[in-house]
Amino acid sequence: MTLRICILETDILRPELIDQYQGYGKMFEQLFRNQPIPAEFVTYNVVQGQYPADDEHFDAYLVTGSKADSFGSDPWIQTLKQFLLERYRRGDKLLGICFGHQLLALLLGGKAERAAQGWGVGTHQYRVADQPEWMTPSVDDLTLLISHQDQVTALPENARLIATSDFCPNAAYAIGDQVLCFQGHPEFVHDYSRALLDLRQEQLGADTYQKAIKSLERDHDGYVVAEWMMRFVANGKQKAKAAEPA
């Protein structure tokens, strides 16, 4: 079984980074190559108004990170929200990372806003709060590369908390077999995080910048989260197939 994933790319990288990293869609494709579940990917940049045709079938839709605010009023964000709400209502599986994590929380009854804690940058460790069957391999703590100044401050009513920390209480959540979201960036690599930190050094301030640079000495669990995401989609697909009439 090969999964078919639609990547909804919600940003265009800074000009200084495009040549080396291309875009978040490409980063996710590289990440998912290293997990054991076969999958193929098609990327659409929704900032540029790109969307799949109505008759295209995907096993899941993944919403990437973005410089934009999930609670922003940009027309492309409003279009994306309507698209995702339609997909949710018809039962499609939705995955969200950073901006996508926040946008889906907002869309489904939660709250996202500028965080009083300030910027989260570098690597960050979370406590795993729940371990459903698809969370293989199993870990007690999760370390991810992060870059955000907004957070989900209230989960949707029917959401299940997956990972948490004092700095970011609602770091990951799931809604049934349909929605799975993470605040951290499994697709980031250390060099990309370092480049972002250097570009934002003045904005972050010396203390936050130096602590973040130091934190990059730690490994992260991006490949673990990648496998969780694909197992989440595959598990839901298997359940749906088993429920079909013979």
Protein backbone atom coordinates (compact mmCIF):
# COMPACT_ATOMS: atom_id res chain seq x y z
CA MET A 1 0.00 0.00 0.00
CA THR A 2 1.49 3.30 -1.15
CA LEU A 3 -0.02 6.37 0.50
CA ARG A 4 -0.74 9.42 -1.62
CA ILE A 5 -0.21 12.69 0.25
CA CYS A 6 -1.11 16.23 -0.84
CA ILE A 7 1.29 18.83 0.59
CA LEU A 8 -0.33 22.25 0.91
CA GLU A 9 2.69 24.57 0.97
CA THR A 10 1.82 27.75 2.88
CA ASP A 11 4.97 29.79 2.37
CA ILE A 12 7.63 30.86 -0.11
CA LEU A 13 11.11 30.66 1.36
CA ARG A 14 13.29 33.72 1.79
CA PRO A 15 15.35 34.44 -1.35
CA GLU A 16 18.59 33.61 0.51
CA LEU A 17 17.34 30.07 1.22
CA ILE A 18 15.51 29.02 -1.95
CA ASP A 19 18.51 27.75 -3.94
CA GLN A 20 19.57 25.32 -1.22
CA TYR A 21 16.24 24.31 0.32
CA GLN A 22 13.67 25.06 -2.45
CA GLY A 23 10.57 24.94 -0.27
CA TYR A 24 8.76 23.16 2.54
CA GLY A 25 7.20 20.69 0.13
CA LYS A 26 10.64 19.50 -0.95
CA MET A 27 11.80 19.32 2.70
CA PHE A 28 8.87 17.06 3.57
CA GLU A 29 9.50 14.83 0.57
CA GLN A 30 13.10 14.36 1.72
CA LEU A 31 11.97 13.68 5.29
CA PHE A 32 9.37 11.06 4.32
CA ARG A 33 11.82 9.15 2.13
CA ASN A 34 13.49 7.94 5.33
CA GLN A 35 10.45 6.33 6.96
CA PRO A 36 9.31 2.77 6.20
CA ILE A 37 5.81 3.31 4.79
CA PRO A 38 5.73 3.83 1.01
CA ALA A 39 4.26 7.19 0.04
CA GLU A 40 4.17 9.59 -2.87
CA PHE A 41 3.66 13.33 -2.67
CA VAL A 42 2.25 16.17 -4.74
CA THR A 43 2.89 19.76 -3.58
CA TYR A 44 0.62 22.74 -4.19
CA ASN A 45 1.64 26.24 -3.12
CA VAL A 46 -1.59 27.72 -1.77
CA VAL A 47 -0.03 31.17 -1.31
CA GLN A 48 0.14 31.23 -5.12
CA GLY A 49 -3.41 29.87 -5.39
CA GLN A 50 -2.46 26.31 -6.34
CA TYR A 51 -4.89 23.55 -5.29
CA PRO A 52 -5.58 19.97 -6.39
CA ALA A 53 -8.43 19.30 -8.81
CA ASP A 54 -11.72 18.22 -7.26
CA ASP A 55 -11.42 14.73 -8.70
CA GLU A 56 -7.88 14.09 -7.41
CA HIS A 57 -7.71 11.54 -4.60
CA PHE A 58 -5.28 11.79 -1.68
CA ASP A 59 -5.02 9.74 1.51
CA ALA A 60 -4.17 12.88 3.50
CA TYR A 61 -3.57 16.62 3.18
CA LEU A 62 -0.53 18.09 4.96
CA VAL A 63 -0.49 21.83 5.81
CA THR A 64 3.07 23.17 6.20
CA GLY A 65 4.60 25.93 8.29
CA SER A 66 4.59 29.57 7.24
CA LYS A 67 5.84 33.07 8.11
CA ALA A 68 2.18 34.11 8.11
CA ASP A 69 -0.04 34.17 11.19
CA SER A 70 -2.66 31.42 11.28
CA PHE A 71 -5.12 34.01 12.62
CA GLY A 72 -4.29 36.45 9.80
CA SER A 73 -6.85 37.86 7.38
CA ASP A 74 -4.86 37.33 4.15
CA PRO A 75 -7.19 36.21 1.34
CA TRP A 76 -5.12 33.08 0.65
CA ILE A 77 -5.52 32.03 4.32
CA GLN A 78 -9.30 32.42 4.10
CA THR A 79 -9.36 30.34 0.91
CA LEU A 80 -7.22 27.66 2.57
CA LYS A 81 -9.50 27.56 5.62
CA GLN A 82 -12.54 26.97 3.43
CA PHE A 83 -10.73 24.23 1.50
CA LEU A 84 -9.66 22.47 4.72
CA LEU A 85 -13.10 22.75 6.28
CA GLU A 86 -14.62 21.08 3.23
CA ARG A 87 -12.03 18.29 3.45
CA TYR A 88 -12.68 17.82 7.16
CA ARG A 89 -16.43 17.63 6.64
CA ARG A 90 -16.07 14.92 4.03
CA GLY A 91 -13.83 12.87 6.32
CA ASP A 92 -10.41 13.41 4.73
CA LYS A 93 -7.30 13.06 6.88
CA LEU A 94 -5.51 16.31 7.73
CA LEU A 95 -1.96 16.80 8.99
CA GLY A 96 -0.64 20.12 10.29
CA ILE A 97 2.83 21.44 11.12
CA CYS A 98 3.46 24.76 12.94
CA PHE A 99 1.22 27.19 10.98
CA GLY A 100 -0.86 24.19 9.87
CA HIS A 101 -1.10 22.95 13.48
CA GLN A 102 -2.42 26.36 14.54
CA LEU A 103 -4.71 26.88 11.56
CA LEU A 104 -6.45 23.52 11.99
CA ALA A 105 -6.90 24.16 15.72
CA LEU A 106 -8.55 27.51 14.94
CA LEU A 107 -10.70 26.02 12.20
CA LEU A 108 -11.98 23.18 14.40
CA GLY A 109 -12.91 25.21 17.48
CA GLY A 110 -9.63 25.88 19.29
CA LYS A 111 -7.62 29.06 19.71
CA ALA A 112 -4.24 30.24 18.35
CA GLU A 113 -2.56 33.56 19.06
CA ARG A 114 0.74 35.34 19.63
CA ALA A 115 2.37 33.54 22.56
CA ALA A 116 3.16 35.38 25.78
CA GLN A 117 6.23 33.12 26.07
CA GLY A 118 7.83 34.82 23.07
CA TRP A 119 9.81 33.15 20.29
CA GLY A 120 10.41 29.42 20.35
CA VAL A 121 13.58 28.66 18.39
CA GLY A 122 16.32 26.04 18.16
CA THR A 123 15.53 22.58 19.52
CA HIS A 124 12.83 21.96 22.10
CA GLN A 125 11.87 18.90 24.13
CA TYR A 126 8.30 17.78 24.83
CA ARG A 127 6.76 15.17 27.10
CA VAL A 128 4.69 12.59 25.24
CA ALA A 129 1.27 12.75 26.89
CA ASP A 130 -0.48 9.93 25.03
CA GLN A 131 0.69 7.01 22.89
CA PRO A 132 -1.97 5.68 20.51
CA GLU A 133 -1.24 2.50 18.54
CA TRP A 134 0.13 4.35 15.50
CA MET A 135 2.87 6.06 17.56
CA THR A 136 5.62 3.59 16.63
CA PRO A 137 8.46 3.81 17.52
CA SER A 138 7.45 4.63 21.08
CA VAL A 139 9.26 7.42 22.95
CA ASP A 140 8.67 9.17 26.29
CA ASP A 141 10.19 12.50 25.24
CA LEU A 142 10.22 14.16 21.85
CA THR A 143 12.81 16.67 20.60
CA LEU A 144 12.05 18.80 17.54
CA LEU A 145 13.47 21.82 15.78
CA ILE A 146 11.14 24.79 16.22
CA SER A 147 10.62 28.33 14.94
CA HIS A 148 7.42 30.04 16.09
CA GLN A 149 6.09 33.03 18.01
CA ASP A 150 2.44 31.88 17.93
CA GLN A 151 0.91 28.95 19.77
CA VAL A 152 -2.31 26.98 20.11
CA THR A 153 -3.64 28.27 23.44
CA ALA A 154 -6.83 26.16 23.47
CA LEU A 155 -7.36 22.82 21.75
CA PRO A 156 -10.56 21.96 19.88
CA GLU A 157 -13.03 20.34 22.27
CA ASN A 158 -12.69 16.86 20.75
CA ALA A 159 -8.88 16.93 20.47
CA ARG A 160 -6.56 14.54 22.29
CA LEU A 161 -3.26 15.98 23.60
CA ILE A 162 -0.26 14.07 22.24
CA ALA A 163 2.76 16.11 23.39
CA THR A 164 3.31 19.02 25.78
CA SER A 165 5.90 21.18 27.55
CA ASP A 166 5.84 24.07 29.98
CA PHE A 167 6.79 26.44 27.15
CA CYS A 168 4.31 24.98 24.67
CA PRO A 169 1.45 23.19 26.47
CA ASN A 170 -0.45 22.19 23.32
CA ALA A 171 2.50 20.98 21.26
CA ALA A 172 0.76 18.13 19.42
CA TYR A 173 -2.80 16.84 19.21
CA ALA A 174 -5.01 14.42 17.33
CA ILE A 175 -8.71 14.41 16.57
CA GLY A 176 -9.97 10.86 16.15
CA ASP A 177 -8.42 9.10 13.16
CA GLN A 178 -8.72 12.24 11.06
CA VAL A 179 -6.44 15.07 12.27
CA LEU A 180 -2.84 15.02 13.55
CA CYS A 181 -0.82 18.18 14.22
CA PHE A 182 2.58 19.20 15.62
CA GLN A 183 3.92 22.62 16.58
CA GLY A 184 7.53 21.54 15.91
CA HIS A 185 9.13 21.06 12.50
CA PRO A 186 10.05 17.43 11.74
CA GLU A 187 11.12 18.49 8.23
CA PHE A 188 13.75 20.99 9.42
CA VAL A 189 17.44 20.13 9.39
CA HIS A 190 19.99 21.79 11.67
CA ASP A 191 21.57 23.83 8.86
CA TYR A 192 18.21 25.31 7.87
CA SER A 193 17.41 26.17 11.49
CA ARG A 194 20.82 27.85 11.83
CA ALA A 195 20.24 29.87 8.66
CA LEU A 196 16.83 31.06 9.96
CA LEU A 197 18.37 32.01 13.30
CA ASP A 198 21.10 34.01 11.60
CA LEU A 199 18.55 35.87 9.47
CA ARG A 200 16.44 36.69 12.57
CA GLN A 201 19.31 37.36 14.98
CA GLU A 202 18.45 41.03 15.48
CA GLN A 203 14.73 40.29 15.82
CA LEU A 204 15.33 37.55 18.40
CA GLY A 205 17.83 39.40 20.56
CA ALA A 206 21.28 38.21 21.64
CA ASP A 207 20.22 36.01 24.56
CA THR A 208 17.50 34.06 22.71
CA TYR A 209 19.73 33.74 19.66
CA GLN A 210 22.70 32.36 21.58
CA LYS A 211 20.59 29.85 23.53
CA ALA A 212 19.00 28.65 20.30
CA ILE A 213 22.37 28.25 18.59
CA LYS A 214 23.63 26.23 21.56
CA SER A 215 20.54 24.02 21.46
CA LEU A 216 21.33 22.98 17.87
CA GLU A 217 24.03 20.69 19.28
CA ARG A 218 21.20 18.26 20.14
CA ASP A 219 19.74 15.72 17.72
CA HIS A 220 16.03 15.86 16.93
CA ASP A 221 13.26 13.30 16.33
CA GLY A 222 11.96 14.48 12.98
CA TYR A 223 12.15 10.99 11.47
CA VAL A 224 10.14 9.58 14.40
CA VAL A 225 7.36 12.11 13.80
CA ALA A 226 7.48 11.40 10.06
CA GLU A 227 6.84 7.72 10.74
CA TRP A 228 4.06 8.56 13.21
CA MET A 229 2.35 10.73 10.61
CA MET A 230 2.45 8.05 7.91
CA ARG A 231 1.33 5.35 10.37
CA PHE A 232 -1.55 7.61 11.45
CA VAL A 233 -2.69 7.93 7.83
CA ALA A 234 -2.16 4.23 7.06
CA ASN A 235 -3.94 3.14 10.25
CA GLY A 236 -6.96 5.29 9.46
CA LYS A 237 -7.02 4.00 5.89
CA GLN A 238 -6.95 0.38 7.05
CA LYS A 239 -9.80 1.00 9.50
CA ALA A 240 -11.88 2.66 6.78
CA LYS A 241 -11.25 -0.25 4.41
CA ALA A 242 -12.19 -2.79 7.10
CA ALA A 243 -15.48 -0.94 7.67
CA GLU A 244 -16.48 -1.17 4.00
CA PRO A 245 -19.23 -3.66 3.19
CA ALA A 246 -17.98 -6.94 1.71
